[in-house]
C-alpha cells in the first residue's frame, strides 16, 4: 500500500521535490502544506492542504519538509508535535546502493546527484541538495541543510540546525556548531562556534 505523503512547503524547493517524489511507487503524493498559501489553491499540479494540526493528523500519514531554512523546519516540527505521522527518508533515484556504514535519520531528503562515501551519520530532517558531496566520517546534525554543490570533506562535524550554502567547501576535520550559516561559496578552514554566520574565502564571521 502506498503511503499518503505531503510536502511541507510549496516554495521552490518543495516543488522541485514534488517533481521526482511523485514518480516513486511507494508514495501517494497528495499535496503541499504551506502556512502562507490558502488551502484549496494549487501548486505544481498538486493541491495545498489544510494546515491545522488536526487536519494534518487526520488526512496525512507521511510528511517531509520541502524547506531549506533549518530554523523554520525546527519551529514547524515542534509546533505540530504530530502523533502517528511518519517522516520517511526519501532519496532520488540517482542515489544507488548507499554504503551500509551510512546511518540516515527520519525525514531525511537526499536529492539528485548527491555523493556520499562511508561512515556517515545524517540526522533527522536533514536535506542534502543537488550535487552536494559528503566525505567519510561526517556527522550532520538534525535539521541541517546542505545546499546545491556544497563539498564537505572527511571527518567534519556539523551541529543541528546549520545551513551550508551552495558551493561552500568545508575542509577536512572541521567542527561547525549548531545554528550556523555558511554562506554560498565560502571555504571553511577553521572551526565555527554555535550561532555564527560566516562568508568568504577563507570564511570569516560577519
Foldseek 3Di string as FASTA:
>chain_A
DAFEEEEEDQPDQRLVVCVQVCVDPRHPDAYYEYPVDDFPDDGNRHTHHDPPLVRCLVPHQEYAYSDQQLVVVVVSCVVNVHPRHFQAEDEGPQDPDDDPQEAEEGREYEYPQEAEDHNEYAEAREYAEANEYAEHNEYHEHSEYEYAQEYEYYLEYAYAREYEAHNEYEDPNEYEYHNEYEYHNEYDDHHHYPPFYWYDDPTDTD
